[in-house]
Amino acid sequence: MHRISTLLLVFLGVISSGLKAQETFPVNGTTDPRHTTFAFTGVKIVVDENITLDSATLLVRDGRVLNSGKGISVPSDAVVFDLKGKCIYPSLVESFSDYGMPEVKRPSGGDGFPQFLSNTKGAYNWNQAVRAEFDAYRNFTAEPKKAEELRKLGFGTVLSVYRDGIVRGTAAATLLGEGKENDLILRDRAAAVYSFDKGSSTQDYPSSLMGSIALLRQTYYDAQWYMNGGYKKEFNITLDAFNKLQKLPQIFDAGDKQNELRANRIGEEFGVRYILKGAGDEYERINEIKAAGNSLIVPVAFPDAYDTGDPYDALNITYHMMKSWELAPGNPSALEKAGINFALTASDLKNKAEFWKNIRKAIDNGLTEKQALKSLTVIPAAMMGLSDQIGALRTGMLANFIITSKSLFDKDNVIYENWVKG
């Protein structure tokens, strides 16, 4: 009887410990079930681009915003930080990044013979540039050094995109914190991504922009056929995945103003409203782009000044190149004045250290600080379908925020800390 009672107690103990478990990975050390609460007092809190609280308190518990405002009581168990004279902003949201993605290996040259069909084994699409089945979250690997670089700029979340192929599959929304990949993936399938670039495909087709457009259009038609009964005749992993992509936000890595308009025409043909990733030259076709009605992801990578000291080198600098150098910093302002919805991205910068210099240059050329903040937080969060999680500091949202010395856009501002998920 004693033995049976002992076994019963052990059994019940195992069940109860299993019910308390909240993680799928073992904890290295002792566990602490208590809540973790932080209070940041006497600080200027920018909740979003419209709401600012002076001399307020921000409460964070278990990685989320518990409350914010003036005169709110601080829980007795909170760790208190007096931030009088400082500011708190929502962490920035990067809307287009290759963070955590494997390196795209371009073909170095074939054996001299044309390749017409895919050499990918399995029930996949006939063309290697159509990779609808690719999921970024399945291939995501945290990159601590790169994450730290982005955090220092103020980013807390990125859209991780594998920039390979015409149909690139899904992108993942990932946090820039420390820890395991399981803790960093915020949304597994945050968007579907497309382009006109065949990427690492070793097939000869497509070999031109016209061919890329034709292949993408044919893929849409093939997917319609497959959905309307073609699946009964054959199973196609790629077309099956392509149809599932259509439920997600659709991002098109167009590359420049002309390709943005071309991508929009394809979208109109198939009833798709793309979010267009451009090159920052939209001001050259601002009326046509406004009429298209797409949201945009716009880089702040502006042309460097040209060296005209050598008259022979100066002859190679065209009038269009000079005007682009002059007008490109005004592109965000032109989009704002036209009423176009756009996010700003650091993705095309060769040197990420130029990010804030270029943001301030855009402000000097007419972009308002309110729009700049919105385009770096609220808008990219909405593009990922994560407005309830990131991009602002409202109650219940993730505690992604930065602590600054001054206004975020002041040239002398210092980002002291960047908190990711509390």
Protein backbone atom coordinates (compact mmCIF):
# COMPACT_ATOMS: atom_id res chain seq x y z
CA MET A 1 0.00 0.00 0.00
CA HIS A 2 2.83 2.37 0.92
CA ARG A 3 4.55 1.61 -2.40
CA ILE A 4 1.36 2.36 -4.37
CA SER A 5 0.90 5.67 -2.55
CA THR A 6 4.49 6.65 -3.27
CA LEU A 7 4.14 5.89 -6.99
CA LEU A 8 0.88 7.86 -7.08
CA LEU A 9 2.55 10.90 -5.53
CA VAL A 10 5.45 10.70 -8.00
CA PHE A 11 2.99 10.39 -10.91
CA LEU A 12 0.99 13.40 -9.72
CA GLY A 13 4.23 15.35 -9.26
CA VAL A 14 5.29 14.65 -12.84
CA ILE A 15 1.88 15.76 -14.15
CA SER A 16 1.88 18.97 -12.11
CA SER A 17 5.41 19.87 -13.19
CA GLY A 18 4.40 19.25 -16.81
CA LEU A 19 1.38 21.53 -16.45
CA LYS A 20 3.59 24.33 -15.11
CA ALA A 21 6.08 24.07 -17.96
CA GLN A 22 5.97 27.06 -20.30
CA GLU A 23 8.97 26.40 -22.51
CA THR A 24 9.96 23.72 -24.98
CA PHE A 25 13.67 24.00 -24.13
CA PRO A 26 15.20 22.96 -20.79
CA VAL A 27 16.31 25.81 -18.51
CA ASN A 28 20.03 25.91 -17.78
CA GLY A 29 19.89 26.71 -14.07
CA THR A 30 17.14 27.46 -11.56
CA THR A 31 13.78 28.70 -12.80
CA ASP A 32 12.13 31.86 -11.50
CA PRO A 33 8.35 31.98 -11.99
CA ARG A 34 8.03 35.56 -10.69
CA HIS A 35 6.99 38.43 -12.93
CA THR A 36 9.71 40.82 -14.08
CA THR A 37 8.55 44.43 -13.85
CA PHE A 38 10.43 47.59 -14.81
CA ALA A 39 9.37 51.20 -14.25
CA PHE A 40 10.91 54.08 -16.21
CA THR A 41 9.99 57.33 -14.46
CA GLY A 42 10.20 61.06 -15.19
CA VAL A 43 10.73 60.41 -18.88
CA LYS A 44 9.31 61.85 -22.11
CA ILE A 45 7.43 58.97 -23.76
CA VAL A 46 6.65 59.08 -27.47
CA VAL A 47 3.84 56.51 -27.70
CA ASP A 48 3.52 56.97 -31.46
CA GLU A 49 3.81 59.79 -33.99
CA ASN A 50 0.69 61.49 -32.55
CA ILE A 51 0.98 60.98 -28.78
CA THR A 52 3.76 62.29 -26.55
CA LEU A 53 3.70 62.15 -22.72
CA ASP A 54 5.98 64.51 -20.77
CA SER A 55 7.44 63.59 -17.36
CA ALA A 56 5.61 60.27 -17.51
CA THR A 57 6.15 56.68 -16.38
CA LEU A 58 6.44 53.57 -18.55
CA LEU A 59 5.69 50.23 -16.89
CA VAL A 60 6.96 47.02 -18.51
CA ARG A 61 6.09 43.55 -17.29
CA ASP A 62 7.21 40.25 -18.80
CA GLY A 63 8.30 41.87 -22.04
CA ARG A 64 5.13 43.89 -22.69
CA VAL A 65 3.91 47.41 -21.99
CA LEU A 66 1.84 47.27 -18.80
CA ASN A 67 0.93 50.96 -18.67
CA SER A 68 2.20 54.45 -19.45
CA GLY A 69 1.20 57.92 -18.41
CA LYS A 70 1.44 60.57 -15.71
CA GLY A 71 0.73 59.87 -12.07
CA ILE A 72 0.43 56.11 -12.42
CA SER A 73 1.45 54.03 -9.40
CA VAL A 74 4.62 51.98 -9.57
CA PRO A 75 4.25 48.35 -8.40
CA SER A 76 6.26 47.49 -5.30
CA ASP A 77 8.12 44.70 -7.11
CA ALA A 78 9.28 46.94 -9.98
CA VAL A 79 12.89 47.76 -10.76
CA VAL A 80 12.81 51.56 -11.07
CA PHE A 81 14.90 53.63 -13.50
CA ASP A 82 14.83 57.42 -13.09
CA LEU A 83 15.13 58.79 -16.66
CA LYS A 84 14.43 62.45 -16.00
CA GLY A 85 15.56 64.53 -18.99
CA LYS A 86 15.62 61.57 -21.37
CA CYS A 87 13.20 60.25 -24.00
CA ILE A 88 11.68 56.89 -24.86
CA TYR A 89 10.61 56.03 -28.41
CA PRO A 90 9.23 52.84 -29.94
CA SER A 91 12.04 50.79 -31.46
CA LEU A 92 12.23 51.18 -35.24
CA VAL A 93 10.86 48.53 -37.60
CA GLU A 94 12.99 47.53 -40.60
CA SER A 95 10.64 46.61 -43.44
CA PHE A 96 13.16 44.91 -45.73
CA SER A 97 16.27 43.06 -44.58
CA ASP A 98 18.32 39.94 -45.23
CA TYR A 99 18.98 39.53 -41.49
CA GLY A 100 19.21 35.88 -40.49
CA MET A 101 18.97 34.60 -44.05
CA PRO A 102 21.48 32.31 -45.77
CA GLU A 103 23.82 33.85 -48.31
CA VAL A 104 22.51 33.84 -51.87
CA LYS A 105 25.08 32.04 -54.01
CA ARG A 106 24.95 33.26 -57.58
CA PRO A 107 25.93 30.78 -60.34
CA SER A 108 29.59 31.15 -61.31
CA GLY A 109 29.14 29.75 -64.81
CA GLY A 110 27.85 26.53 -66.30
CA ASP A 111 29.40 23.85 -68.43
CA GLY A 112 28.67 25.72 -71.64
CA PHE A 113 25.44 23.89 -72.39
CA PRO A 114 22.02 25.55 -72.09
CA GLN A 115 19.78 24.43 -69.22
CA PHE A 116 16.11 24.61 -70.15
CA LEU A 117 14.49 22.71 -67.27
CA SER A 118 14.94 22.80 -63.52
CA ASN A 119 17.46 20.42 -61.98
CA THR A 120 15.73 20.57 -58.59
CA LYS A 121 14.64 17.09 -57.55
CA GLY A 122 11.06 16.61 -56.43
CA ALA A 123 7.54 17.72 -57.30
CA TYR A 124 8.51 21.37 -57.76
CA ASN A 125 7.88 23.98 -60.42
CA TRP A 126 9.59 23.66 -63.79
CA ASN A 127 11.54 26.91 -63.31
CA GLN A 128 14.05 27.36 -60.49
CA ALA A 129 13.40 31.10 -60.24
CA VAL A 130 9.90 30.37 -58.89
CA ARG A 131 10.47 29.42 -55.25
CA ALA A 132 7.07 29.88 -53.66
CA GLU A 133 7.70 27.00 -51.27
CA PHE A 134 10.61 28.79 -49.56
CA ASP A 135 9.88 29.84 -45.96
CA ALA A 136 12.26 32.31 -44.36
CA TYR A 137 11.42 31.17 -40.85
CA ARG A 138 12.58 27.62 -41.61
CA ASN A 139 15.99 28.96 -42.66
CA PHE A 140 16.35 31.75 -40.11
CA THR A 141 19.53 31.83 -38.03
CA ALA A 142 20.22 34.59 -35.51
CA GLU A 143 23.22 36.79 -36.30
CA PRO A 144 24.35 38.45 -33.02
CA LYS A 145 26.83 40.90 -34.57
CA LYS A 146 24.42 42.04 -37.27
CA ALA A 147 21.60 42.30 -34.73
CA GLU A 148 23.77 44.49 -32.51
CA GLU A 149 24.58 46.77 -35.46
CA LEU A 150 20.88 47.22 -36.20
CA ARG A 151 19.97 47.71 -32.53
CA LYS A 152 22.50 50.54 -32.26
CA LEU A 153 20.60 52.29 -35.05
CA GLY A 154 17.37 51.89 -33.08
CA PHE A 155 15.78 48.89 -34.81
CA GLY A 156 14.00 46.25 -32.75
CA THR A 157 12.21 44.21 -35.43
CA VAL A 158 13.02 43.36 -39.05
CA LEU A 159 11.30 41.65 -41.94
CA SER A 160 13.77 38.92 -42.93
CA VAL A 161 13.67 38.39 -46.70
CA TYR A 162 15.58 35.82 -48.73
CA ARG A 163 16.46 37.85 -51.81
CA ASP A 164 16.63 35.05 -54.34
CA GLY A 165 14.36 34.44 -57.30
CA ILE A 166 11.30 35.90 -58.97
CA VAL A 167 8.88 34.30 -56.52
CA ARG A 168 10.75 34.28 -53.22
CA GLY A 169 8.28 32.55 -50.92
CA THR A 170 7.61 33.97 -47.46
CA ALA A 171 9.46 36.48 -45.29
CA ALA A 172 9.51 36.30 -41.48
CA ALA A 173 9.14 39.06 -38.91
CA THR A 174 12.00 38.60 -36.46
CA LEU A 175 13.14 40.36 -33.30
CA LEU A 176 16.67 41.67 -32.91
CA GLY A 177 17.11 40.46 -29.35
CA GLU A 178 19.47 37.88 -27.94
CA GLY A 179 18.58 34.26 -27.49
CA LYS A 180 17.40 31.27 -29.48
CA GLU A 181 15.65 31.51 -32.82
CA ASN A 182 12.51 30.20 -31.08
CA ASP A 183 12.44 33.42 -29.03
CA LEU A 184 13.14 35.74 -31.96
CA ILE A 185 10.60 34.76 -34.63
CA LEU A 186 7.65 37.08 -34.13
CA ARG A 187 5.60 35.95 -37.14
CA ASP A 188 6.58 33.00 -39.31
CA ARG A 189 4.85 34.05 -42.54
CA ALA A 190 4.67 37.83 -42.39
CA ALA A 191 4.66 38.51 -46.15
CA ALA A 192 5.12 37.01 -49.61
CA VAL A 193 7.94 38.46 -51.71
CA TYR A 194 8.49 38.81 -55.49
CA SER A 195 10.98 40.45 -57.87
CA PHE A 196 12.10 40.57 -61.51
CA ASP A 197 15.51 39.06 -60.65
CA LYS A 198 15.93 35.33 -61.35
CA GLY A 199 18.61 35.13 -58.67
CA SER A 200 20.62 31.93 -58.26
CA SER A 201 18.68 29.95 -60.88
CA THR A 202 21.02 28.18 -63.31
CA GLN A 203 18.38 27.92 -66.02
CA ASP A 204 18.79 30.00 -69.14
CA TYR A 205 15.22 31.31 -68.94
CA PRO A 206 14.40 34.01 -68.15
CA SER A 207 17.33 35.98 -69.50
CA SER A 208 15.69 39.40 -69.71
CA LEU A 209 13.24 41.67 -67.92
CA MET A 210 10.59 40.77 -70.51
CA GLY A 211 11.17 37.08 -69.76
CA SER A 212 10.89 37.67 -65.99
CA ILE A 213 7.56 39.44 -66.48
CA ALA A 214 6.31 36.64 -68.73
CA LEU A 215 7.37 33.95 -66.23
CA LEU A 216 5.65 35.68 -63.33
CA ARG A 217 2.43 36.18 -65.30
CA GLN A 218 2.50 32.54 -66.44
CA THR A 219 2.95 31.45 -62.82
CA TYR A 220 -0.21 33.32 -61.84
CA TYR A 221 -2.13 31.63 -64.64
CA ASP A 222 -0.69 28.21 -63.78
CA ALA A 223 -1.66 28.73 -60.14
CA GLN A 224 -5.22 29.59 -61.15
CA TRP A 225 -5.42 26.43 -63.25
CA TYR A 226 -4.01 24.38 -60.38
CA MET A 227 -6.48 25.81 -57.87
CA ASN A 228 -9.43 25.27 -60.22
CA GLY A 229 -8.87 21.54 -60.61
CA GLY A 230 -5.34 21.08 -61.85
CA TYR A 231 -4.37 19.62 -58.47
CA LYS A 232 -6.50 16.60 -59.37
CA LYS A 233 -4.22 15.86 -62.33
CA GLU A 234 -0.85 16.49 -60.69
CA PHE A 235 0.65 17.60 -57.41
CA ASN A 236 2.92 20.65 -57.61
CA ILE A 237 4.60 21.79 -54.39
CA THR A 238 5.41 25.21 -55.81
CA LEU A 239 1.96 26.04 -57.20
CA ASP A 240 0.29 24.76 -54.05
CA ALA A 241 2.52 27.07 -51.98
CA PHE A 242 2.02 29.95 -54.43
CA ASN A 243 -1.75 29.88 -53.93
CA LYS A 244 -1.28 29.94 -50.17
CA LEU A 245 0.96 33.00 -50.49
CA GLN A 246 -1.93 35.07 -51.77
CA LYS A 247 -3.41 35.37 -48.29
CA LEU A 248 -0.34 37.30 -47.07
CA PRO A 249 0.83 40.90 -47.57
CA GLN A 250 2.44 41.01 -51.03
CA ILE A 251 5.83 42.74 -51.30
CA PHE A 252 7.46 43.31 -54.68
CA ASP A 253 11.17 44.12 -54.75
CA ALA A 254 10.87 46.23 -57.90
CA GLY A 255 14.20 48.03 -57.83
CA ASP A 256 13.38 51.35 -59.51
CA LYS A 257 10.57 53.68 -60.52
CA GLN A 258 9.92 52.04 -63.90
CA ASN A 259 9.79 48.54 -62.46
CA GLU A 260 7.45 49.75 -59.73
CA LEU A 261 4.98 50.76 -62.44
CA ARG A 262 5.53 47.47 -64.29
CA ALA A 263 4.90 45.48 -61.12
CA ASN A 264 1.75 47.47 -60.47
CA ARG A 265 0.44 46.55 -63.94
CA ILE A 266 0.94 42.86 -63.13
CA GLY A 267 -0.83 43.38 -59.82
CA GLU A 268 -3.78 45.03 -61.53
CA GLU A 269 -4.00 42.13 -64.00
CA PHE A 270 -4.31 39.56 -61.22
CA GLY A 271 -6.09 41.58 -58.56
CA VAL A 272 -3.04 41.94 -56.31
CA ARG A 273 -2.10 45.12 -54.46
CA TYR A 274 1.67 45.00 -54.04
CA ILE A 275 3.74 46.85 -51.47
CA LEU A 276 6.52 48.08 -53.74
CA LYS A 277 10.17 48.16 -52.65
CA GLY A 278 11.83 50.84 -54.76
CA ALA A 279 15.20 52.54 -55.17
CA GLY A 280 14.44 56.03 -53.90
CA ASP A 281 13.84 57.59 -57.34
CA GLU A 282 10.05 57.75 -57.11
CA TYR A 283 10.14 61.56 -57.31
CA GLU A 284 10.90 61.22 -61.04
CA ARG A 285 7.49 59.59 -61.67
CA ILE A 286 5.61 60.85 -58.62
CA ASN A 287 2.27 61.45 -60.38
CA GLU A 288 2.17 58.01 -61.99
CA ILE A 289 3.19 56.29 -58.73
CA LYS A 290 0.57 58.20 -56.77
CA ALA A 291 -2.08 57.20 -59.33
CA ALA A 292 -1.06 53.54 -58.99
CA GLY A 293 -2.03 53.67 -55.30
CA ASN A 294 0.56 51.24 -53.91
CA SER A 295 2.26 51.51 -50.54
CA LEU A 296 6.04 51.79 -50.84
CA ILE A 297 9.21 50.72 -49.06
CA VAL A 298 11.76 53.43 -49.79
CA PRO A 299 15.51 53.32 -49.09
CA VAL A 300 17.44 56.26 -47.69
CA ALA A 301 20.56 55.41 -49.70
CA PHE A 302 21.30 58.69 -51.49
CA PRO A 303 23.93 59.16 -54.22
CA ASP A 304 27.33 60.42 -53.12
CA ALA A 305 28.66 63.66 -54.52
CA TYR A 306 30.63 63.19 -57.74
CA ASP A 307 34.27 64.13 -58.03
CA THR A 308 34.51 66.66 -60.84
CA GLY A 309 38.11 67.67 -60.16
CA ASP A 310 39.38 65.84 -63.23
CA PRO A 311 37.75 67.33 -66.37
CA TYR A 312 38.03 64.02 -68.23
CA ASP A 313 36.20 62.15 -65.46
CA ALA A 314 33.65 64.95 -65.30
CA LEU A 315 32.70 64.26 -68.92
CA ASN A 316 31.33 60.85 -67.83
CA ILE A 317 28.95 62.43 -65.31
CA THR A 318 25.60 62.97 -66.99
CA TYR A 319 23.09 65.70 -66.24
CA HIS A 320 20.67 63.02 -64.94
CA MET A 321 23.32 61.76 -62.50
CA MET A 322 23.84 65.27 -61.16
CA LYS A 323 20.12 65.90 -60.78
CA SER A 324 19.70 62.57 -59.00
CA TRP A 325 22.39 63.56 -56.50
CA GLU A 326 20.60 66.87 -55.96
CA LEU A 327 17.01 65.63 -55.74
CA ALA A 328 17.19 62.13 -54.21
CA PRO A 329 17.29 63.38 -50.58
CA GLY A 330 13.96 65.10 -51.27
CA ASN A 331 12.28 61.85 -52.35
CA PRO A 332 10.68 61.07 -48.94
CA SER A 333 9.36 64.63 -48.75
CA ALA A 334 7.88 64.34 -52.26
CA LEU A 335 6.10 61.12 -51.26
CA GLU A 336 4.75 62.72 -48.09
CA LYS A 337 3.44 65.76 -49.95
CA ALA A 338 1.79 63.46 -52.52
CA GLY A 339 0.01 61.57 -49.74
CA ILE A 340 1.66 58.23 -50.58
CA ASN A 341 1.92 55.64 -47.81
CA PHE A 342 5.57 54.63 -47.40
CA ALA A 343 8.05 53.01 -45.03
CA LEU A 344 11.71 53.94 -44.85
CA THR A 345 14.42 51.27 -44.96
CA ALA A 346 18.16 51.09 -44.35
CA SER A 347 18.43 47.98 -46.53
CA ASP A 348 20.27 49.54 -49.50
CA LEU A 349 22.91 51.36 -47.48
CA LYS A 350 26.42 50.05 -48.05
CA ASN A 351 27.44 51.66 -44.78
CA LYS A 352 24.70 51.44 -42.15
CA ALA A 353 26.45 54.17 -40.15
CA GLU A 354 25.05 56.67 -42.69
CA PHE A 355 21.46 55.83 -41.78
CA TRP A 356 20.77 58.68 -39.35
CA LYS A 357 22.79 61.17 -41.40
CA ASN A 358 20.57 60.40 -44.40
CA ILE A 359 17.35 60.50 -42.36
CA ARG A 360 18.30 63.97 -41.17
CA LYS A 361 19.25 64.94 -44.71
CA ALA A 362 15.75 63.90 -45.83
CA ILE A 363 14.28 66.06 -43.03
CA ASP A 364 16.43 69.00 -44.13
CA ASN A 365 14.92 68.49 -47.60
CA GLY A 366 11.31 68.71 -46.43
CA LEU A 367 10.36 65.43 -44.74
CA THR A 368 8.56 66.13 -41.46
CA GLU A 369 9.77 64.46 -38.26
CA LYS A 370 6.27 63.15 -37.64
CA GLN A 371 6.21 61.38 -41.01
CA ALA A 372 9.76 60.11 -40.53
CA LEU A 373 8.81 58.47 -37.22
CA LYS A 374 5.62 57.04 -38.71
CA SER A 375 7.52 55.63 -41.70
CA LEU A 376 10.03 53.95 -39.38
CA THR A 377 7.55 52.46 -36.90
CA VAL A 378 3.78 52.44 -37.46
CA ILE A 379 3.72 51.97 -41.24
CA PRO A 380 6.19 49.05 -41.52
CA ALA A 381 4.47 47.37 -38.56
CA ALA A 382 1.14 47.64 -40.42
CA MET A 383 2.73 46.24 -43.60
CA MET A 384 3.61 43.09 -41.66
CA GLY A 385 0.17 42.89 -40.06
CA LEU A 386 1.72 43.49 -36.63
CA SER A 387 0.22 46.84 -35.61
CA ASP A 388 -1.01 45.29 -32.38
CA GLN A 389 2.49 44.13 -31.42
CA ILE A 390 5.15 46.60 -32.57
CA GLY A 391 5.62 50.15 -33.85
CA ALA A 392 4.13 51.95 -30.82
CA LEU A 393 4.09 51.80 -27.00
CA ARG A 394 0.47 51.14 -26.18
CA THR A 395 -0.70 48.85 -23.38
CA GLY A 396 -0.29 45.17 -24.25
CA MET A 397 2.23 45.72 -27.06
CA LEU A 398 5.76 44.33 -27.03
CA ALA A 399 8.16 46.41 -24.97
CA ASN A 400 10.40 47.32 -27.91
CA PHE A 401 11.75 50.80 -27.16
CA ILE A 402 14.84 52.96 -27.27
CA ILE A 403 16.09 55.40 -24.65
CA THR A 404 17.56 58.59 -26.12
CA SER A 405 19.24 61.74 -24.86
CA LYS A 406 17.17 64.10 -27.00
CA SER A 407 14.71 64.09 -29.86
CA LEU A 408 15.34 61.03 -32.04
CA PHE A 409 16.07 63.25 -35.04
CA ASP A 410 18.40 65.73 -33.31
CA LYS A 411 21.89 65.60 -34.81
CA ASP A 412 23.41 65.40 -31.31
CA ASN A 413 21.05 62.69 -30.07
CA VAL A 414 22.52 59.59 -28.44
CA ILE A 415 20.70 56.24 -28.34
CA TYR A 416 21.61 54.96 -24.87
CA GLU A 417 19.75 51.65 -24.90
CA ASN A 418 17.50 49.58 -27.13
CA TRP A 419 15.15 47.22 -25.27
CA VAL A 420 13.78 44.33 -27.31
CA LYS A 421 10.79 42.50 -25.83
CA GLY A 422 11.57 44.04 -22.47
